[in-house]
Amino acid sequence: MKNNNLKDTLAQARAIHFAMHNGVISYEKAHELTKPLLDKVNIHIAKIARKSNQKPQKLVFQDLGRNL
């Protein structure tokens, strides 16, 4: 996954999270929509962590509301 794709994927997940905070979609629907996006990001994070001999810190749905 290229760096731009990773940024785009995170931007999509954060947009869904933002829509949930504005009441456009429910929590359950937002969580369901972001799951495949976060899975892609977490796979990329795990690859980077393995190269650095570190333990990967996976992103979860609640992390989208924080500054990344």
PDB file of N, CA and C in Angstrom:
ATOM      1  N   MET A   1       0.850  -1.181   0.000  1.00  0.00           N
ATOM      2  CA  MET A   1       0.000   0.000   0.000  1.00  0.00           C
ATOM      3  C   MET A   1       0.888   1.233   0.000  1.00  0.00           C
ATOM      4  N   LYS A   2       0.656   2.116  -0.926  1.00  0.00           N
ATOM      5  CA  LYS A   2       1.462   3.312  -1.015  1.00  0.00           C
ATOM      6  C   LYS A   2       1.042   4.312   0.050  1.00  0.00           C
ATOM      7  N   ASN A   3       1.914   5.269   0.330  1.00  0.00           N
ATOM      8  CA  ASN A   3       1.661   6.247   1.374  1.00  0.00           C
ATOM      9  C   ASN A   3       0.407   7.069   1.095  1.00  0.00           C
ATOM     10  N   ASN A   4       0.194   7.479  -0.157  1.00  0.00           N
ATOM     11  CA  ASN A   4      -0.999   8.253  -0.485  1.00  0.00           C
ATOM     12  C   ASN A   4      -2.263   7.437  -0.265  1.00  0.00           C
ATOM     13  N   ASN A   5      -2.226   6.157  -0.615  1.00  0.00           N
ATOM     14  CA  ASN A   5      -3.385   5.298  -0.394  1.00  0.00           C
ATOM     15  C   ASN A   5      -3.685   5.168   1.089  1.00  0.00           C
ATOM     16  N   LEU A   6      -2.656   5.085   1.898  1.00  0.00           N
ATOM     17  CA  LEU A   6      -2.834   4.986   3.338  1.00  0.00           C
ATOM     18  C   LEU A   6      -3.478   6.260   3.876  1.00  0.00           C
ATOM     19  N   LYS A   7      -3.015   7.409   3.402  1.00  0.00           N
ATOM     20  CA  LYS A   7      -3.599   8.683   3.832  1.00  0.00           C
ATOM     21  C   LYS A   7      -5.048   8.792   3.389  1.00  0.00           C
ATOM     22  N   ASP A   8      -5.341   8.361   2.169  1.00  0.00           N
ATOM     23  CA  ASP A   8      -6.710   8.406   1.663  1.00  0.00           C
ATOM     24  C   ASP A   8      -7.620   7.478   2.461  1.00  0.00           C
ATOM     25  N   THR A   9      -7.125   6.309   2.793  1.00  0.00           N
ATOM     26  CA  THR A   9      -7.902   5.350   3.565  1.00  0.00           C
ATOM     27  C   THR A   9      -8.206   5.905   4.951  1.00  0.00           C
ATOM     28  N   LEU A  10      -7.204   6.496   5.592  1.00  0.00           N
ATOM     29  CA  LEU A  10      -7.433   7.111   6.899  1.00  0.00           C
ATOM     30  C   LEU A  10      -8.395   8.288   6.798  1.00  0.00           C
ATOM     31  N   ALA A  11      -8.293   9.065   5.730  1.00  0.00           N
ATOM     32  CA  ALA A  11      -9.196  10.202   5.540  1.00  0.00           C
ATOM     33  C   ALA A  11     -10.637   9.721   5.375  1.00  0.00           C
ATOM     34  N   GLN A  12     -10.837   8.624   4.661  1.00  0.00           N
ATOM     35  CA  GLN A  12     -12.183   8.077   4.505  1.00  0.00           C
ATOM     36  C   GLN A  12     -12.741   7.628   5.850  1.00  0.00           C
ATOM     37  N   ALA A  13     -11.923   6.945   6.634  1.00  0.00           N
ATOM     38  CA  ALA A  13     -12.364   6.463   7.939  1.00  0.00           C
ATOM     39  C   ALA A  13     -12.702   7.635   8.861  1.00  0.00           C
ATOM     40  N   ARG A  14     -11.879   8.673   8.838  1.00  0.00           N
ATOM     41  CA  ARG A  14     -12.144   9.837   9.687  1.00  0.00           C
ATOM     42  C   ARG A  14     -13.388  10.580   9.220  1.00  0.00           C
ATOM     43  N   ALA A  15     -13.647  10.615   7.911  1.00  0.00           N
ATOM     44  CA  ALA A  15     -14.858  11.261   7.397  1.00  0.00           C
ATOM     45  C   ALA A  15     -16.108  10.527   7.883  1.00  0.00           C
ATOM     46  N   ILE A  16     -16.056   9.212   7.893  1.00  0.00           N
ATOM     47  CA  ILE A  16     -17.175   8.422   8.400  1.00  0.00           C
ATOM     48  C   ILE A  16     -17.366   8.697   9.887  1.00  0.00           C
ATOM     49  N   HIS A  17     -16.279   8.747  10.629  1.00  0.00           N
ATOM     50  CA  HIS A  17     -16.345   9.024  12.065  1.00  0.00           C
ATOM     51  C   HIS A  17     -16.920  10.416  12.307  1.00  0.00           C
ATOM     52  N   PHE A  18     -16.519  11.385  11.508  1.00  0.00           N
ATOM     53  CA  PHE A  18     -17.023  12.747  11.621  1.00  0.00           C
ATOM     54  C   PHE A  18     -18.523  12.797  11.323  1.00  0.00           C
ATOM     55  N   ALA A  19     -18.964  12.043  10.313  1.00  0.00           N
ATOM     56  CA  ALA A  19     -20.383  11.985   9.978  1.00  0.00           C
ATOM     57  C   ALA A  19     -21.191  11.406  11.138  1.00  0.00           C
ATOM     58  N   MET A  20     -20.617  10.444  11.831  1.00  0.00           N
ATOM     59  CA  MET A  20     -21.292   9.867  12.986  1.00  0.00           C
ATOM     60  C   MET A  20     -21.441  10.911  14.087  1.00  0.00           C
ATOM     61  N   HIS A  21     -20.404  11.700  14.320  1.00  0.00           N
ATOM     62  CA  HIS A  21     -20.462  12.726  15.353  1.00  0.00           C
ATOM     63  C   HIS A  21     -21.477  13.811  15.018  1.00  0.00           C
ATOM     64  N   ASN A  22     -21.732  14.035  13.744  1.00  0.00           N
ATOM     65  CA  ASN A  22     -22.709  15.037  13.327  1.00  0.00           C
ATOM     66  C   ASN A  22     -24.118  14.464  13.187  1.00  0.00           C
ATOM     67  N   GLY A  23     -24.289  13.205  13.526  1.00  0.00           N
ATOM     68  CA  GLY A  23     -25.615  12.600  13.531  1.00  0.00           C
ATOM     69  C   GLY A  23     -26.125  12.149  12.178  1.00  0.00           C
ATOM     70  N   VAL A  24     -25.265  12.097  11.183  1.00  0.00           N
ATOM     71  CA  VAL A  24     -25.688  11.675   9.847  1.00  0.00           C
ATOM     72  C   VAL A  24     -25.909  10.165   9.806  1.00  0.00           C
ATOM     73  N   ILE A  25     -25.033   9.410  10.465  1.00  0.00           N
ATOM     74  CA  ILE A  25     -25.174   7.956  10.526  1.00  0.00           C
ATOM     75  C   ILE A  25     -25.048   7.511  11.978  1.00  0.00           C
ATOM     76  N   SER A  26     -25.513   6.318  12.268  1.00  0.00           N
ATOM     77  CA  SER A  26     -25.468   5.796  13.632  1.00  0.00           C
ATOM     78  C   SER A  26     -24.064   5.271  13.964  1.00  0.00           C
ATOM     79  N   TYR A  27     -23.842   5.055  15.249  1.00  0.00           N
ATOM     80  CA  TYR A  27     -22.564   4.516  15.713  1.00  0.00           C
ATOM     81  C   TYR A  27     -22.302   3.148  15.096  1.00  0.00           C
ATOM     82  N   GLU A  28     -23.327   2.307  15.097  1.00  0.00           N
ATOM     83  CA  GLU A  28     -23.166   0.950  14.585  1.00  0.00           C
ATOM     84  C   GLU A  28     -22.818   0.950  13.102  1.00  0.00           C
ATOM     85  N   LYS A  29     -23.496   1.801  12.336  1.00  0.00           N
ATOM     86  CA  LYS A  29     -23.233   1.875  10.899  1.00  0.00           C
ATOM     87  C   LYS A  29     -21.838   2.419  10.632  1.00  0.00           C
ATOM     88  N   ALA A  30     -21.425   3.445  11.384  1.00  0.00           N
ATOM     89  CA  ALA A  30     -20.089   4.020  11.223  1.00  0.00           C
ATOM     90  C   ALA A  30     -19.021   2.985  11.567  1.00  0.00           C
ATOM     91  N   HIS A  31     -19.248   2.251  12.636  1.00  0.00           N
ATOM     92  CA  HIS A  31     -18.290   1.218  13.051  1.00  0.00           C
ATOM     93  C   HIS A  31     -18.177   0.145  11.968  1.00  0.00           C
ATOM     94  N   GLU A  32     -19.308  -0.233  11.399  1.00  0.00           N
ATOM     95  CA  GLU A  32     -19.332  -1.257  10.342  1.00  0.00           C
ATOM     96  C   GLU A  32     -18.613  -0.766   9.078  1.00  0.00           C
ATOM     97  N   LEU A  33     -18.805   0.495   8.721  1.00  0.00           N
ATOM     98  CA  LEU A  33     -18.190   1.043   7.505  1.00  0.00           C
ATOM     99  C   LEU A  33     -16.682   1.242   7.639  1.00  0.00           C
ATOM    100  N   THR A  34     -16.216   1.552   8.845  1.00  0.00           N
ATOM    101  CA  THR A  34     -14.790   1.811   9.031  1.00  0.00           C
ATOM    102  C   THR A  34     -13.975   0.543   9.267  1.00  0.00           C
ATOM    103  N   LYS A  35     -14.619  -0.550   9.630  1.00  0.00           N
ATOM    104  CA  LYS A  35     -13.877  -1.780   9.935  1.00  0.00           C
ATOM    105  C   LYS A  35     -12.961  -2.227   8.797  1.00  0.00           C
ATOM    106  N   PRO A  36     -13.427  -2.337   7.541  1.00  0.00           N
ATOM    107  CA  PRO A  36     -12.509  -2.773   6.476  1.00  0.00           C
ATOM    108  C   PRO A  36     -11.384  -1.765   6.224  1.00  0.00           C
ATOM    109  N   LEU A  37     -11.670  -0.478   6.414  1.00  0.00           N
ATOM    110  CA  LEU A  37     -10.636   0.540   6.219  1.00  0.00           C
ATOM    111  C   LEU A  37      -9.560   0.424   7.285  1.00  0.00           C
ATOM    112  N   LEU A  38      -9.982   0.241   8.533  1.00  0.00           N
ATOM    113  CA  LEU A  38      -9.010   0.109   9.617  1.00  0.00           C
ATOM    114  C   LEU A  38      -8.215  -1.181   9.504  1.00  0.00           C
ATOM    115  N   ASP A  39      -8.837  -2.225   8.984  1.00  0.00           N
ATOM    116  CA  ASP A  39      -8.107  -3.479   8.774  1.00  0.00           C
ATOM    117  C   ASP A  39      -6.956  -3.271   7.791  1.00  0.00           C
ATOM    118  N   LYS A  40      -7.206  -2.530   6.711  1.00  0.00           N
ATOM    119  CA  LYS A  40      -6.148  -2.243   5.733  1.00  0.00           C
ATOM    120  C   LYS A  40      -5.016  -1.438   6.363  1.00  0.00           C
ATOM    121  N   VAL A  41      -5.378  -0.436   7.135  1.00  0.00           N
ATOM    122  CA  VAL A  41      -4.369   0.409   7.783  1.00  0.00           C
ATOM    123  C   VAL A  41      -3.572  -0.407   8.788  1.00  0.00           C
ATOM    124  N   ASN A  42      -4.232  -1.257   9.563  1.00  0.00           N
ATOM    125  CA  ASN A  42      -3.542  -2.056  10.573  1.00  0.00           C
ATOM    126  C   ASN A  42      -2.588  -3.073   9.953  1.00  0.00           C
ATOM    127  N   ILE A  43      -2.926  -3.584   8.792  1.00  0.00           N
ATOM    128  CA  ILE A  43      -2.004  -4.487   8.090  1.00  0.00           C
ATOM    129  C   ILE A  43      -0.733  -3.738   7.716  1.00  0.00           C
ATOM    130  N   HIS A  44      -0.893  -2.527   7.223  1.00  0.00           N
ATOM    131  CA  HIS A  44       0.266  -1.710   6.847  1.00  0.00           C
ATOM    132  C   HIS A  44       1.096  -1.345   8.093  1.00  0.00           C
ATOM    133  N   ILE A  45       0.431  -1.011   9.180  1.00  0.00           N
ATOM    134  CA  ILE A  45       1.127  -0.687  10.428  1.00  0.00           C
ATOM    135  C   ILE A  45       1.933  -1.889  10.912  1.00  0.00           C
ATOM    136  N   ALA A  46       1.354  -3.081  10.814  1.00  0.00           N
ATOM    137  CA  ALA A  46       2.044  -4.294  11.254  1.00  0.00           C
ATOM    138  C   ALA A  46       3.294  -4.549  10.417  1.00  0.00           C
ATOM    139  N   LYS A  47       3.226  -4.290   9.114  1.00  0.00           N
ATOM    140  CA  LYS A  47       4.400  -4.477   8.256  1.00  0.00           C
ATOM    141  C   LYS A  47       5.527  -3.544   8.660  1.00  0.00           C
ATOM    142  N   ILE A  48       5.187  -2.294   8.909  1.00  0.00           N
ATOM    143  CA  ILE A  48       6.199  -1.317   9.317  1.00  0.00           C
ATOM    144  C   ILE A  48       6.799  -1.711  10.660  1.00  0.00           C
ATOM    145  N   ALA A  49       5.969  -2.152  11.588  1.00  0.00           N
ATOM    146  CA  ALA A  49       6.444  -2.534  12.916  1.00  0.00           C
ATOM    147  C   ALA A  49       7.372  -3.744  12.836  1.00  0.00           C
ATOM    148  N   ARG A  50       7.032  -4.709  11.990  1.00  0.00           N
ATOM    149  CA  ARG A  50       7.884  -5.892  11.848  1.00  0.00           C
ATOM    150  C   ARG A  50       9.260  -5.523  11.309  1.00  0.00           C
ATOM    151  N   LYS A  51       9.308  -4.576  10.371  1.00  0.00           N
ATOM    152  CA  LYS A  51      10.591  -4.147   9.824  1.00  0.00           C
ATOM    153  C   LYS A  51      11.450  -3.482  10.890  1.00  0.00           C
ATOM    154  N   SER A  52      10.815  -2.849  11.856  1.00  0.00           N
ATOM    155  CA  SER A  52      11.534  -2.132  12.910  1.00  0.00           C
ATOM    156  C   SER A  52      11.690  -2.953  14.178  1.00  0.00           C
ATOM    157  N   ASN A  53      11.276  -4.228  14.133  1.00  0.00           N
ATOM    158  CA  ASN A  53      11.328  -5.103  15.303  1.00  0.00           C
ATOM    159  C   ASN A  53      10.575  -4.502  16.492  1.00  0.00           C
ATOM    160  N   GLN A  54       9.393  -3.964  16.217  1.00  0.00           N
ATOM    161  CA  GLN A  54       8.543  -3.371  17.237  1.00  0.00           C
ATOM    162  C   GLN A  54       7.205  -4.089  17.266  1.00  0.00           C
ATOM    163  N   LYS A  55       6.482  -3.907  18.365  1.00  0.00           N
ATOM    164  CA  LYS A  55       5.140  -4.455  18.479  1.00  0.00           C
ATOM    165  C   LYS A  55       4.168  -3.453  17.845  1.00  0.00           C
ATOM    166  N   PRO A  56       3.320  -3.901  16.917  1.00  0.00           N
ATOM    167  CA  PRO A  56       2.400  -2.953  16.264  1.00  0.00           C
ATOM    168  C   PRO A  56       1.323  -2.460  17.225  1.00  0.00           C
ATOM    169  N   GLN A  57       0.983  -1.191  17.121  1.00  0.00           N
ATOM    170  CA  GLN A  57      -0.107  -0.599  17.887  1.00  0.00           C
ATOM    171  C   GLN A  57      -1.259  -0.378  16.918  1.00  0.00           C
ATOM    172  N   LYS A  58      -2.247  -1.231  17.000  1.00  0.00           N
ATOM    173  CA  LYS A  58      -3.350  -1.190  16.051  1.00  0.00           C
ATOM    174  C   LYS A  58      -4.273  -0.009  16.322  1.00  0.00           C
ATOM    175  N   LEU A  59      -4.830   0.517  15.238  1.00  0.00           N
ATOM    176  CA  LEU A  59      -5.831   1.573  15.343  1.00  0.00           C
ATOM    177  C   LEU A  59      -7.195   0.941  15.568  1.00  0.00           C
ATOM    178  N   VAL A  60      -7.987   1.561  16.419  1.00  0.00           N
ATOM    179  CA  VAL A  60      -9.360   1.126  16.646  1.00  0.00           C
ATOM    180  C   VAL A  60     -10.286   2.287  16.312  1.00  0.00           C
ATOM    181  N   PHE A  61     -11.566   2.014  16.268  1.00  0.00           N
ATOM    182  CA  PHE A  61     -12.555   2.996  15.864  1.00  0.00           C
ATOM    183  C   PHE A  61     -12.476   4.271  16.710  1.00  0.00           C
ATOM    184  N   GLN A  62     -12.279   4.140  17.997  1.00  0.00           N
ATOM    185  CA  GLN A  62     -12.229   5.300  18.883  1.00  0.00           C
ATOM    186  C   GLN A  62     -11.027   6.192  18.601  1.00  0.00           C
ATOM    187  N   ASP A  63      -9.978   5.651  18.019  1.00  0.00           N
ATOM    188  CA  ASP A  63      -8.789   6.439  17.698  1.00  0.00           C
ATOM    189  C   ASP A  63      -9.049   7.461  16.593  1.00  0.00           C
ATOM    190  N   LEU A  64     -10.084   7.269  15.808  1.00  0.00           N
ATOM    191  CA  LEU A  64     -10.355   8.172  14.689  1.00  0.00           C
ATOM    192  C   LEU A  64     -10.741   9.569  15.163  1.00  0.00           C
ATOM    193  N   GLY A  65     -11.267   9.684  16.372  1.00  0.00           N
ATOM    194  CA  GLY A  65     -11.632  10.986  16.909  1.00  0.00           C
ATOM    195  C   GLY A  65     -10.450  11.748  17.445  1.00  0.00           C
ATOM    196  N   ARG A  66      -9.333  11.083  17.612  1.00  0.00           N
ATOM    197  CA  ARG A  66      -8.124  11.717  18.127  1.00  0.00           C
ATOM    198  C   ARG A  66      -7.273  12.201  16.969  1.00  0.00           C
ATOM    199  N   ASN A  67      -6.332  13.062  17.284  1.00  0.00           N
ATOM    200  CA  ASN A  67      -5.405  13.530  16.253  1.00  0.00           C
ATOM    201  C   ASN A  67      -4.433  12.421  15.920  1.00  0.00           C
ATOM    202  N   LEU A  68      -4.374  12.037  14.652  1.00  0.00           N
ATOM    203  CA  LEU A  68      -3.451  10.975  14.210  1.00  0.00           C
ATOM    204  C   LEU A  68      -2.249  11.575  13.541  1.00  0.00           C
TER     205      LEU A  68
END
